[in-house]
Amino acid sequence: MEDYEEVEEGECPMCPECGSPLSDKIEIDKETGEIVIYFFCEGAGEDEFKLSILTGLKNKDLKKLRKEGKTTKKEMQIKLLERKNDLYSE
């Protein structure tokens, strides 16, 4: 991945509730076979933030990718799963 650089702190997706970097997880939807990316907060406090990105891609789509630099268009959907502001206080 020559076109991409390592992400430095503060340049990655951040929780809009507490400002902590968001964690991520990639799964395959068991019903549809679609690749789903989850972003969620594991920062301090009891605030909650979680979203999913439905990529529109399946493993069979990845197998079709043969030519480097070729662009494939798919529609993605973003779904907010949880959001609650309850910041940690000492």
PDB file of N, CA and C in Angstrom:
ATOM      1  N   MET A   1       0.836  -1.179   0.000  1.00  0.00           N
ATOM      2  CA  MET A   1       0.000   0.000   0.000  1.00  0.00           C
ATOM      3  C   MET A   1       0.878   1.238   0.000  1.00  0.00           C
ATOM      4  N   GLU A   2       1.444   1.496  -1.109  1.00  0.00           N
ATOM      5  CA  GLU A   2       2.376   2.612  -1.233  1.00  0.00           C
ATOM      6  C   GLU A   2       1.702   3.973  -1.096  1.00  0.00           C
ATOM      7  N   ASP A   3       0.412   4.075  -1.442  1.00  0.00           N
ATOM      8  CA  ASP A   3      -0.295   5.350  -1.420  1.00  0.00           C
ATOM      9  C   ASP A   3      -0.796   5.750  -0.040  1.00  0.00           C
ATOM     10  N   TYR A   4      -0.655   4.858   0.938  1.00  0.00           N
ATOM     11  CA  TYR A   4      -1.184   5.114   2.267  1.00  0.00           C
ATOM     12  C   TYR A   4      -0.063   5.145   3.285  1.00  0.00           C
ATOM     13  N   GLU A   5      -0.192   6.058   4.244  1.00  0.00           N
ATOM     14  CA  GLU A   5       0.798   6.169   5.305  1.00  0.00           C
ATOM     15  C   GLU A   5       0.182   5.685   6.612  1.00  0.00           C
ATOM     16  N   GLU A   6       1.045   5.277   7.529  1.00  0.00           N
ATOM     17  CA  GLU A   6       0.585   4.881   8.865  1.00  0.00           C
ATOM     18  C   GLU A   6      -0.135   6.073   9.499  1.00  0.00           C
ATOM     19  N   VAL A   7      -1.265   5.816  10.119  1.00  0.00           N
ATOM     20  CA  VAL A   7      -2.055   6.870  10.745  1.00  0.00           C
ATOM     21  C   VAL A   7      -1.456   7.203  12.102  1.00  0.00           C
ATOM     22  N   GLU A   8      -1.261   8.477  12.361  1.00  0.00           N
ATOM     23  CA  GLU A   8      -0.740   8.932  13.643  1.00  0.00           C
ATOM     24  C   GLU A   8      -1.920   9.274  14.556  1.00  0.00           C
ATOM     25  N   GLU A   9      -1.692   9.281  15.867  1.00  0.00           N
ATOM     26  CA  GLU A   9      -2.754   9.608  16.812  1.00  0.00           C
ATOM     27  C   GLU A   9      -3.320  10.976  16.488  1.00  0.00           C
ATOM     28  N   GLY A  10      -4.605  11.099  16.563  1.00  0.00           N
ATOM     29  CA  GLY A  10      -5.279  12.348  16.214  1.00  0.00           C
ATOM     30  C   GLY A  10      -5.700  12.387  14.756  1.00  0.00           C
ATOM     31  N   GLU A  11      -5.174  11.468  13.937  1.00  0.00           N
ATOM     32  CA  GLU A  11      -5.535  11.411  12.530  1.00  0.00           C
ATOM     33  C   GLU A  11      -6.484  10.246  12.246  1.00  0.00           C
ATOM     34  N   CYS A  12      -6.775   9.447  13.258  1.00  0.00           N
ATOM     35  CA  CYS A  12      -7.664   8.304  13.078  1.00  0.00           C
ATOM     36  C   CYS A  12      -9.085   8.719  13.464  1.00  0.00           C
ATOM     37  N   PRO A  13     -10.078   7.886  13.152  1.00  0.00           N
ATOM     38  CA  PRO A  13     -11.448   8.224  13.561  1.00  0.00           C
ATOM     39  C   PRO A  13     -11.548   8.377  15.078  1.00  0.00           C
ATOM     40  N   MET A  14     -12.191   9.442  15.515  1.00  0.00           N
ATOM     41  CA  MET A  14     -12.289   9.759  16.934  1.00  0.00           C
ATOM     42  C   MET A  14     -13.752   9.716  17.393  1.00  0.00           C
ATOM     43  N   CYS A  15     -13.959   9.322  18.617  1.00  0.00           N
ATOM     44  CA  CYS A  15     -15.294   9.301  19.208  1.00  0.00           C
ATOM     45  C   CYS A  15     -15.798  10.740  19.351  1.00  0.00           C
ATOM     46  N   PRO A  16     -16.976  11.034  18.809  1.00  0.00           N
ATOM     47  CA  PRO A  16     -17.497  12.395  18.950  1.00  0.00           C
ATOM     48  C   PRO A  16     -17.974  12.713  20.361  1.00  0.00           C
ATOM     49  N   GLU A  17     -18.106  11.699  21.218  1.00  0.00           N
ATOM     50  CA  GLU A  17     -18.550  11.919  22.589  1.00  0.00           C
ATOM     51  C   GLU A  17     -17.386  12.238  23.522  1.00  0.00           C
ATOM     52  N   CYS A  18     -16.300  11.423  23.474  1.00  0.00           N
ATOM     53  CA  CYS A  18     -15.214  11.606  24.443  1.00  0.00           C
ATOM     54  C   CYS A  18     -13.869  11.974  23.811  1.00  0.00           C
ATOM     55  N   GLY A  19     -13.761  11.885  22.496  1.00  0.00           N
ATOM     56  CA  GLY A  19     -12.513  12.255  21.828  1.00  0.00           C
ATOM     57  C   GLY A  19     -11.480  11.147  21.763  1.00  0.00           C
ATOM     58  N   SER A  20     -11.772   9.964  22.262  1.00  0.00           N
ATOM     59  CA  SER A  20     -10.842   8.832  22.195  1.00  0.00           C
ATOM     60  C   SER A  20     -10.839   8.239  20.784  1.00  0.00           C
ATOM     61  N   PRO A  21      -9.723   7.625  20.384  1.00  0.00           N
ATOM     62  CA  PRO A  21      -9.710   6.948  19.080  1.00  0.00           C
ATOM     63  C   PRO A  21     -10.747   5.818  19.070  1.00  0.00           C
ATOM     64  N   LEU A  22     -11.422   5.659  17.947  1.00  0.00           N
ATOM     65  CA  LEU A  22     -12.403   4.586  17.812  1.00  0.00           C
ATOM     66  C   LEU A  22     -11.702   3.279  17.467  1.00  0.00           C
ATOM     67  N   SER A  23     -12.181   2.197  18.044  1.00  0.00           N
ATOM     68  CA  SER A  23     -11.718   0.859  17.690  1.00  0.00           C
ATOM     69  C   SER A  23     -12.523   0.398  16.481  1.00  0.00           C
ATOM     70  N   ASP A  24     -12.008  -0.613  15.783  1.00  0.00           N
ATOM     71  CA  ASP A  24     -12.742  -1.119  14.634  1.00  0.00           C
ATOM     72  C   ASP A  24     -12.735  -2.643  14.605  1.00  0.00           C
ATOM     73  N   LYS A  25     -13.689  -3.182  13.895  1.00  0.00           N
ATOM     74  CA  LYS A  25     -13.851  -4.630  13.774  1.00  0.00           C
ATOM     75  C   LYS A  25     -14.507  -4.890  12.416  1.00  0.00           C
ATOM     76  N   ILE A  26     -14.037  -5.913  11.716  1.00  0.00           N
ATOM     77  CA  ILE A  26     -14.601  -6.253  10.416  1.00  0.00           C
ATOM     78  C   ILE A  26     -15.212  -7.641  10.499  1.00  0.00           C
ATOM     79  N   GLU A  27     -16.442  -7.772  10.011  1.00  0.00           N
ATOM     80  CA  GLU A  27     -17.153  -9.048  10.036  1.00  0.00           C
ATOM     81  C   GLU A  27     -17.879  -9.261   8.714  1.00  0.00           C
ATOM     82  N   ILE A  28     -18.298 -10.502   8.510  1.00  0.00           N
ATOM     83  CA  ILE A  28     -19.159 -10.845   7.385  1.00  0.00           C
ATOM     84  C   ILE A  28     -20.570 -11.060   7.945  1.00  0.00           C
ATOM     85  N   ASP A  29     -21.558 -10.355   7.389  1.00  0.00           N
ATOM     86  CA  ASP A  29     -22.947 -10.541   7.808  1.00  0.00           C
ATOM     87  C   ASP A  29     -23.380 -11.963   7.448  1.00  0.00           C
ATOM     88  N   LYS A  30     -23.843 -12.715   8.441  1.00  0.00           N
ATOM     89  CA  LYS A  30     -24.202 -14.126   8.231  1.00  0.00           C
ATOM     90  C   LYS A  30     -25.374 -14.305   7.282  1.00  0.00           C
ATOM     91  N   GLU A  31     -26.293 -13.351   7.254  1.00  0.00           N
ATOM     92  CA  GLU A  31     -27.471 -13.470   6.395  1.00  0.00           C
ATOM     93  C   GLU A  31     -27.188 -13.068   4.951  1.00  0.00           C
ATOM     94  N   THR A  32     -26.447 -11.969   4.765  1.00  0.00           N
ATOM     95  CA  THR A  32     -26.254 -11.419   3.417  1.00  0.00           C
ATOM     96  C   THR A  32     -24.884 -11.720   2.813  1.00  0.00           C
ATOM     97  N   GLY A  33     -23.904 -12.049   3.645  1.00  0.00           N
ATOM     98  CA  GLY A  33     -22.545 -12.261   3.156  1.00  0.00           C
ATOM     99  C   GLY A  33     -21.787 -10.961   2.922  1.00  0.00           C
ATOM    100  N   GLU A  34     -22.392  -9.835   3.286  1.00  0.00           N
ATOM    101  CA  GLU A  34     -21.780  -8.521   3.082  1.00  0.00           C
ATOM    102  C   GLU A  34     -20.686  -8.253   4.118  1.00  0.00           C
ATOM    103  N   ILE A  35     -19.621  -7.598   3.693  1.00  0.00           N
ATOM    104  CA  ILE A  35     -18.550  -7.194   4.593  1.00  0.00           C
ATOM    105  C   ILE A  35     -19.010  -5.950   5.354  1.00  0.00           C
ATOM    106  N   VAL A  36     -18.957  -6.024   6.689  1.00  0.00           N
ATOM    107  CA  VAL A  36     -19.416  -4.926   7.548  1.00  0.00           C
ATOM    108  C   VAL A  36     -18.249  -4.469   8.414  1.00  0.00           C
ATOM    109  N   ILE A  37     -18.048  -3.160   8.478  1.00  0.00           N
ATOM    110  CA  ILE A  37     -17.005  -2.565   9.320  1.00  0.00           C
ATOM    111  C   ILE A  37     -17.690  -1.851  10.477  1.00  0.00           C
ATOM    112  N   TYR A  38     -17.263  -2.158  11.685  1.00  0.00           N
ATOM    113  CA  TYR A  38     -17.813  -1.515  12.881  1.00  0.00           C
ATOM    114  C   TYR A  38     -16.767  -0.571  13.466  1.00  0.00           C
ATOM    115  N   PHE A  39     -17.203   0.603  13.896  1.00  0.00           N
ATOM    116  CA  PHE A  39     -16.383   1.525  14.675  1.00  0.00           C
ATOM    117  C   PHE A  39     -17.082   1.693  16.013  1.00  0.00           C
ATOM    118  N   PHE A  40     -16.309   1.628  17.109  1.00  0.00           N
ATOM    119  CA  PHE A  40     -16.910   1.750  18.426  1.00  0.00           C
ATOM    120  C   PHE A  40     -15.905   2.353  19.399  1.00  0.00           C
ATOM    121  N   CYS A  41     -16.434   2.973  20.451  1.00  0.00           N
ATOM    122  CA  CYS A  41     -15.606   3.645  21.450  1.00  0.00           C
ATOM    123  C   CYS A  41     -15.341   2.717  22.628  1.00  0.00           C
ATOM    124  N   GLU A  42     -14.080   2.664  23.026  1.00  0.00           N
ATOM    125  CA  GLU A  42     -13.690   1.945  24.241  1.00  0.00           C
ATOM    126  C   GLU A  42     -12.967   2.903  25.191  1.00  0.00           C
ATOM    127  N   GLY A  43     -13.256   4.193  25.056  1.00  0.00           N
ATOM    128  CA  GLY A  43     -12.592   5.205  25.866  1.00  0.00           C
ATOM    129  C   GLY A  43     -13.082   5.216  27.299  1.00  0.00           C
ATOM    130  N   ALA A  44     -12.488   6.101  28.084  1.00  0.00           N
ATOM    131  CA  ALA A  44     -12.859   6.242  29.496  1.00  0.00           C
ATOM    132  C   ALA A  44     -14.298   6.701  29.627  1.00  0.00           C
ATOM    133  N   GLY A  45     -14.931   6.312  30.698  1.00  0.00           N
ATOM    134  CA  GLY A  45     -16.292   6.758  30.966  1.00  0.00           C
ATOM    135  C   GLY A  45     -17.329   5.790  30.456  1.00  0.00           C
ATOM    136  N   GLU A  46     -18.552   6.193  30.600  1.00  0.00           N
ATOM    137  CA  GLU A  46     -19.677   5.338  30.235  1.00  0.00           C
ATOM    138  C   GLU A  46     -20.371   5.804  28.961  1.00  0.00           C
ATOM    139  N   ASP A  47     -19.759   6.752  28.237  1.00  0.00           N
ATOM    140  CA  ASP A  47     -20.372   7.193  26.996  1.00  0.00           C
ATOM    141  C   ASP A  47     -20.367   6.043  25.992  1.00  0.00           C
ATOM    142  N   GLU A  48     -21.262   6.105  25.017  1.00  0.00           N
ATOM    143  CA  GLU A  48     -21.385   5.050  24.036  1.00  0.00           C
ATOM    144  C   GLU A  48     -21.420   5.651  22.644  1.00  0.00           C
ATOM    145  N   PHE A  49     -20.695   5.039  21.741  1.00  0.00           N
ATOM    146  CA  PHE A  49     -20.752   5.426  20.332  1.00  0.00           C
ATOM    147  C   PHE A  49     -20.372   4.204  19.514  1.00  0.00           C
ATOM    148  N   LYS A  50     -21.257   3.808  18.613  1.00  0.00           N
ATOM    149  CA  LYS A  50     -20.989   2.656  17.762  1.00  0.00           C
ATOM    150  C   LYS A  50     -21.724   2.848  16.440  1.00  0.00           C
ATOM    151  N   LEU A  51     -21.017   2.603  15.342  1.00  0.00           N
ATOM    152  CA  LEU A  51     -21.649   2.662  14.035  1.00  0.00           C
ATOM    153  C   LEU A  51     -21.167   1.503  13.177  1.00  0.00           C
ATOM    154  N   SER A  52     -21.955   1.173  12.174  1.00  0.00           N
ATOM    155  CA  SER A  52     -21.548   0.138  11.233  1.00  0.00           C
ATOM    156  C   SER A  52     -21.540   0.732   9.829  1.00  0.00           C
ATOM    157  N   ILE A  53     -20.620   0.247   9.021  1.00  0.00           N
ATOM    158  CA  ILE A  53     -20.566   0.619   7.612  1.00  0.00           C
ATOM    159  C   ILE A  53     -20.836  -0.647   6.811  1.00  0.00           C
ATOM    160  N   LEU A  54     -21.957  -0.665   6.135  1.00  0.00           N
ATOM    161  CA  LEU A  54     -22.288  -1.764   5.243  1.00  0.00           C
ATOM    162  C   LEU A  54     -21.607  -1.444   3.919  1.00  0.00           C
ATOM    163  N   THR A  55     -20.571  -2.196   3.589  1.00  0.00           N
ATOM    164  CA  THR A  55     -19.701  -1.838   2.466  1.00  0.00           C
ATOM    165  C   THR A  55     -20.303  -2.101   1.094  1.00  0.00           C
ATOM    166  N   GLY A  56     -21.309  -2.966   1.034  1.00  0.00           N
ATOM    167  CA  GLY A  56     -21.834  -3.343  -0.270  1.00  0.00           C
ATOM    168  C   GLY A  56     -20.972  -4.399  -0.953  1.00  0.00           C
ATOM    169  N   LEU A  57     -19.897  -4.817  -0.284  1.00  0.00           N
ATOM    170  CA  LEU A  57     -18.964  -5.800  -0.840  1.00  0.00           C
ATOM    171  C   LEU A  57     -19.167  -7.167  -0.209  1.00  0.00           C
ATOM    172  N   LYS A  58     -18.945  -8.190  -1.005  1.00  0.00           N
ATOM    173  CA  LYS A  58     -18.934  -9.568  -0.521  1.00  0.00           C
ATOM    174  C   LYS A  58     -17.604 -10.185  -0.917  1.00  0.00           C
ATOM    175  N   ASN A  59     -17.268 -11.302  -0.334  1.00  0.00           N
ATOM    176  CA  ASN A  59     -16.004 -11.958  -0.674  1.00  0.00           C
ATOM    177  C   ASN A  59     -15.893 -12.240  -2.163  1.00  0.00           C
ATOM    178  N   LYS A  60     -17.012 -12.581  -2.809  1.00  0.00           N
ATOM    179  CA  LYS A  60     -16.978 -12.850  -4.251  1.00  0.00           C
ATOM    180  C   LYS A  60     -16.568 -11.599  -5.036  1.00  0.00           C
ATOM    181  N   ASP A  61     -16.923 -10.399  -4.528  1.00  0.00           N
ATOM    182  CA  ASP A  61     -16.502  -9.157  -5.182  1.00  0.00           C
ATOM    183  C   ASP A  61     -14.993  -8.982  -5.081  1.00  0.00           C
ATOM    184  N   LEU A  62     -14.421  -9.360  -3.940  1.00  0.00           N
ATOM    185  CA  LEU A  62     -12.976  -9.237  -3.751  1.00  0.00           C
ATOM    186  C   LEU A  62     -12.228 -10.170  -4.691  1.00  0.00           C
ATOM    187  N   LYS A  63     -12.786 -11.345  -4.940  1.00  0.00           N
ATOM    188  CA  LYS A  63     -12.154 -12.306  -5.840  1.00  0.00           C
ATOM    189  C   LYS A  63     -12.115 -11.799  -7.276  1.00  0.00           C
ATOM    190  N   LYS A  64     -13.073 -10.929  -7.632  1.00  0.00           N
ATOM    191  CA  LYS A  64     -13.144 -10.385  -8.991  1.00  0.00           C
ATOM    192  C   LYS A  64     -12.112  -9.276  -9.232  1.00  0.00           C
ATOM    193  N   LEU A  65     -11.534  -8.755  -8.160  1.00  0.00           N
ATOM    194  CA  LEU A  65     -10.544  -7.681  -8.311  1.00  0.00           C
ATOM    195  C   LEU A  65      -9.258  -8.273  -8.865  1.00  0.00           C
ATOM    196  N   ARG A  66      -8.912  -7.931 -10.080  1.00  0.00           N
ATOM    197  CA  ARG A  66      -7.733  -8.492 -10.734  1.00  0.00           C
ATOM    198  C   ARG A  66      -6.745  -7.411 -11.181  1.00  0.00           C
ATOM    199  N   LYS A  67      -7.272  -6.322 -11.714  1.00  0.00           N
ATOM    200  CA  LYS A  67      -6.416  -5.301 -12.311  1.00  0.00           C
ATOM    201  C   LYS A  67      -6.128  -4.192 -11.291  1.00  0.00           C
ATOM    202  N   GLU A  68      -4.852  -3.995 -10.988  1.00  0.00           N
ATOM    203  CA  GLU A  68      -4.466  -2.943 -10.037  1.00  0.00           C
ATOM    204  C   GLU A  68      -4.865  -1.574 -10.578  1.00  0.00           C
ATOM    205  N   GLY A  69      -5.384  -0.747  -9.698  1.00  0.00           N
ATOM    206  CA  GLY A  69      -5.760   0.615 -10.063  1.00  0.00           C
ATOM    207  C   GLY A  69      -7.174   0.734 -10.599  1.00  0.00           C
ATOM    208  N   LYS A  70      -7.833  -0.388 -10.904  1.00  0.00           N
ATOM    209  CA  LYS A  70      -9.204  -0.351 -11.399  1.00  0.00           C
ATOM    210  C   LYS A  70     -10.144  -0.007 -10.252  1.00  0.00           C
ATOM    211  N   THR A  71     -11.083   0.879 -10.514  1.00  0.00           N
ATOM    212  CA  THR A  71     -12.055   1.303  -9.507  1.00  0.00           C
ATOM    213  C   THR A  71     -13.359   0.547  -9.687  1.00  0.00           C
ATOM    214  N   THR A  72     -13.888   0.040  -8.595  1.00  0.00           N
ATOM    215  CA  THR A  72     -15.187  -0.617  -8.586  1.00  0.00           C
ATOM    216  C   THR A  72     -16.109   0.191  -7.691  1.00  0.00           C
ATOM    217  N   LYS A  73     -17.285   0.528  -8.189  1.00  0.00           N
ATOM    218  CA  LYS A  73     -18.229   1.315  -7.399  1.00  0.00           C
ATOM    219  C   LYS A  73     -19.260   0.407  -6.755  1.00  0.00           C
ATOM    220  N   LYS A  74     -19.471   0.624  -5.461  1.00  0.00           N
ATOM    221  CA  LYS A  74     -20.507  -0.063  -4.695  1.00  0.00           C
ATOM    222  C   LYS A  74     -21.152   0.973  -3.788  1.00  0.00           C
ATOM    223  N   GLU A  75     -22.418   0.793  -3.495  1.00  0.00           N
ATOM    224  CA  GLU A  75     -23.094   1.701  -2.568  1.00  0.00           C
ATOM    225  C   GLU A  75     -22.889   1.205  -1.146  1.00  0.00           C
ATOM    226  N   MET A  76     -22.458   2.101  -0.265  1.00  0.00           N
ATOM    227  CA  MET A  76     -22.311   1.730   1.140  1.00  0.00           C
ATOM    228  C   MET A  76     -23.370   2.451   1.958  1.00  0.00           C
ATOM    229  N   GLN A  77     -23.617   1.922   3.136  1.00  0.00           N
ATOM    230  CA  GLN A  77     -24.573   2.527   4.053  1.00  0.00           C
ATOM    231  C   GLN A  77     -23.924   2.631   5.421  1.00  0.00           C
ATOM    232  N   ILE A  78     -24.191   3.734   6.101  1.00  0.00           N
ATOM    233  CA  ILE A  78     -23.668   3.938   7.453  1.00  0.00           C
ATOM    234  C   ILE A  78     -24.860   3.951   8.404  1.00  0.00           C
ATOM    235  N   LYS A  79     -24.756   3.146   9.462  1.00  0.00           N
ATOM    236  CA  LYS A  79     -25.857   3.020  10.414  1.00  0.00           C
ATOM    237  C   LYS A  79     -25.341   3.313  11.819  1.00  0.00           C
ATOM    238  N   LEU A  80     -25.914   4.321  12.480  1.00  0.00           N
ATOM    239  CA  LEU A  80     -25.575   4.624  13.876  1.00  0.00           C
ATOM    240  C   LEU A  80     -26.269   3.604  14.760  1.00  0.00           C
ATOM    241  N   LEU A  81     -25.493   2.853  15.536  1.00  0.00           N
ATOM    242  CA  LEU A  81     -26.039   1.793  16.382  1.00  0.00           C
ATOM    243  C   LEU A  81     -26.267   2.247  17.817  1.00  0.00           C
ATOM    244  N   GLU A  82     -25.364   3.086  18.343  1.00  0.00           N
ATOM    245  CA  GLU A  82     -25.494   3.588  19.718  1.00  0.00           C
ATOM    246  C   GLU A  82     -24.855   4.967  19.807  1.00  0.00           C
ATOM    247  N   ARG A  83     -25.445   5.831  20.615  1.00  0.00           N
ATOM    248  CA  ARG A  83     -24.804   7.098  20.948  1.00  0.00           C
ATOM    249  C   ARG A  83     -25.408   7.625  22.237  1.00  0.00           C
ATOM    250  N   LYS A  84     -24.550   7.747  23.247  1.00  0.00           N
ATOM    251  CA  LYS A  84     -24.993   8.245  24.545  1.00  0.00           C
ATOM    252  C   LYS A  84     -23.839   9.036  25.160  1.00  0.00           C
ATOM    253  N   ASN A  85     -24.111  10.257  25.564  1.00  0.00           N
ATOM    254  CA  ASN A  85     -23.100  11.101  26.187  1.00  0.00           C
ATOM    255  C   ASN A  85     -23.190  10.930  27.694  1.00  0.00           C
ATOM    256  N   ASP A  86     -22.121  10.354  28.273  1.00  0.00           N
ATOM    257  CA  ASP A  86     -22.034  10.190  29.717  1.00  0.00           C
ATOM    258  C   ASP A  86     -20.564  10.151  30.070  1.00  0.00           C
ATOM    259  N   LEU A  87     -19.922  11.315  30.014  1.00  0.00           N
ATOM    260  CA  LEU A  87     -18.461  11.382  30.185  1.00  0.00           C
ATOM    261  C   LEU A  87     -18.018  10.961  31.567  1.00  0.00           C
ATOM    262  N   TYR A  88     -16.866  10.376  31.614  1.00  0.00           N
ATOM    263  CA  TYR A  88     -16.214   9.919  32.861  1.00  0.00           C
ATOM    264  C   TYR A  88     -15.875  11.129  33.724  1.00  0.00           C
ATOM    265  N   SER A  89     -16.145  11.042  34.985  1.00  0.00           N
ATOM    266  CA  SER A  89     -15.753  12.108  35.905  1.00  0.00           C
ATOM    267  C   SER A  89     -15.114  11.484  37.131  1.00  0.00           C
ATOM    268  N   GLU A  90     -14.061  12.123  37.620  1.00  0.00           N
ATOM    269  CA  GLU A  90     -13.326  11.603  38.777  1.00  0.00           C
ATOM    270  C   GLU A  90     -13.853  12.200  40.063  1.00  0.00           C
TER     271      GLU A  90
END
